[in-house]
């Protein structure tokens, strides 16, 4: 991967600025507010790409049951009355968005080069 497609501080800052605040904490207890106020994590992302290693913790999440519709107190509840949402690490979500943006740029550049 050339230097044109590496993670930049500007790209990561843009992704982090789009994080919605006030959401649930991830499995490590981190929230969007932590990344918004943190020092840029560009060096960690670059090391992950160069070493071709993604932390296994990026695959961990926990499931939170959310009631479907109106859950009354007069009926018995079972798992069919809930849907689950997975809460994953916020840093892995930022890395994923940065990687996807770079991948799109790389694919567009490759398509342009094939047409030439």
Protein backbone atom coordinates (compact mmCIF):
# COMPACT_ATOMS: atom_id res chain seq x y z
CA UNK A 1 0.00 0.00 0.00
CA UNK A 2 1.52 3.30 -1.02
CA UNK A 3 1.65 6.42 1.11
CA UNK A 4 -1.40 7.76 -0.74
CA UNK A 5 -3.63 5.25 1.04
CA UNK A 6 -2.33 5.36 4.60
CA UNK A 7 -4.34 6.63 7.53
CA UNK A 8 -3.92 10.34 8.02
CA UNK A 9 -4.65 12.43 11.06
CA UNK A 10 -7.20 14.38 9.02
CA UNK A 11 -9.07 11.24 7.95
CA UNK A 12 -9.24 9.87 11.48
CA UNK A 13 -10.25 13.27 12.88
CA UNK A 14 -13.06 13.45 10.30
CA UNK A 15 -14.36 9.98 11.23
CA UNK A 16 -14.12 10.69 14.96
CA UNK A 17 -15.95 14.01 14.55
CA UNK A 18 -18.90 12.11 13.06
CA UNK A 19 -19.23 9.81 16.08
CA UNK A 20 -22.52 10.26 17.88
CA UNK A 21 -22.03 11.01 21.56
CA UNK A 22 -24.12 9.73 24.42
CA UNK A 23 -24.14 6.13 23.20
CA UNK A 24 -23.45 3.02 25.26
CA UNK A 25 -19.89 2.21 26.29
CA UNK A 26 -18.12 -0.59 24.42
CA UNK A 27 -16.77 -3.75 25.98
CA UNK A 28 -13.68 -1.86 27.21
CA UNK A 29 -15.75 0.96 28.72
CA UNK A 30 -14.81 3.44 25.99
CA UNK A 31 -17.35 5.83 24.52
CA UNK A 32 -17.30 8.20 21.58
CA UNK A 33 -16.47 11.04 23.96
CA UNK A 34 -13.19 9.35 24.85
CA UNK A 35 -12.01 9.36 21.24
CA UNK A 36 -13.24 12.89 20.59
CA UNK A 37 -11.10 14.22 23.44
CA UNK A 38 -8.16 11.84 22.87
CA UNK A 39 -4.90 12.38 21.03
CA UNK A 40 -5.03 11.19 17.40
CA UNK A 41 -4.62 7.45 17.14
CA UNK A 42 -3.17 7.52 13.64
CA UNK A 43 0.06 5.78 14.65
CA UNK A 44 -1.76 2.79 16.12
CA UNK A 45 -3.79 2.38 12.92
CA UNK A 46 -0.68 2.65 10.74
CA UNK A 47 1.08 0.00 12.83
CA UNK A 48 -1.89 -2.33 12.48
CA UNK A 49 -1.83 -1.97 8.69
CA UNK A 50 1.95 -2.33 8.41
CA UNK A 51 2.09 -5.35 10.71
CA UNK A 52 -1.05 -6.82 9.10
CA UNK A 53 -2.40 -7.57 12.56
CA UNK A 54 -5.79 -6.57 13.90
CA UNK A 55 -6.30 -7.04 17.66
CA UNK A 56 -8.59 -9.94 18.47
CA UNK A 57 -10.49 -7.63 20.81
CA UNK A 58 -11.84 -5.85 17.70
CA UNK A 59 -14.04 -8.92 17.20
CA UNK A 60 -15.51 -8.87 20.70
CA UNK A 61 -18.87 -7.36 21.48
CA UNK A 62 -21.74 -7.73 23.86
CA UNK A 63 -25.42 -7.97 23.06
CA UNK A 64 -28.00 -5.71 24.63
CA UNK A 65 -31.64 -6.84 24.48
CA UNK A 66 -34.00 -4.12 23.22
CA UNK A 67 -37.77 -4.63 23.61
CA UNK A 68 -39.77 -4.87 20.38
CA UNK A 69 -42.76 -2.57 20.23
CA UNK A 70 -44.76 -2.30 23.43
CA UNK A 71 -43.85 -4.79 26.08
CA UNK A 72 -46.75 -4.97 28.49
CA UNK A 73 -46.50 -5.96 32.12
CA UNK A 74 -49.53 -8.28 31.86
CA UNK A 75 -48.00 -10.83 29.53
CA UNK A 76 -45.17 -13.28 29.86
CA UNK A 77 -41.97 -12.22 28.19
CA UNK A 78 -39.70 -14.44 26.18
CA UNK A 79 -36.85 -13.92 23.76
CA UNK A 80 -39.26 -13.31 20.86
CA UNK A 81 -40.24 -9.98 22.46
CA UNK A 82 -36.69 -8.60 22.20
CA UNK A 83 -34.15 -7.87 19.51
CA UNK A 84 -30.45 -7.73 20.19
CA UNK A 85 -27.96 -5.07 19.23
CA UNK A 86 -24.25 -5.75 19.38
CA UNK A 87 -22.00 -3.17 21.03
CA UNK A 88 -18.46 -3.49 19.68
CA UNK A 89 -15.25 -1.58 20.39
CA UNK A 90 -15.47 2.06 19.28
CA UNK A 91 -11.84 2.06 18.14
CA UNK A 92 -12.53 -0.86 15.80
CA UNK A 93 -15.46 1.04 14.29
CA UNK A 94 -13.26 4.08 13.61
CA UNK A 95 -10.58 1.82 12.10
CA UNK A 96 -13.20 0.12 9.93
CA UNK A 97 -14.54 3.42 8.55
CA UNK A 98 -11.01 4.70 7.84
CA UNK A 99 -10.09 1.44 6.14
CA UNK A 100 -13.25 1.48 4.01
CA UNK A 101 -12.66 5.07 2.88
CA UNK A 102 -9.07 4.23 1.91
CA UNK A 103 -10.23 1.06 0.15
CA UNK A 104 -12.77 2.99 -1.94
CA UNK A 105 -10.11 5.55 -2.90
CA UNK A 106 -7.72 2.71 -3.81
CA UNK A 107 -10.36 0.94 -5.94
CA UNK A 108 -11.30 4.14 -7.78
CA UNK A 109 -7.64 4.87 -8.51
CA UNK A 110 -7.13 1.29 -9.72
CA UNK A 111 -10.17 1.53 -12.01
CA UNK A 112 -8.90 4.80 -13.48
CA UNK A 113 -5.49 3.23 -14.09
CA UNK A 114 -7.10 0.26 -15.86
CA UNK A 115 -9.02 2.58 -18.17
CA UNK A 116 -5.85 4.47 -19.14
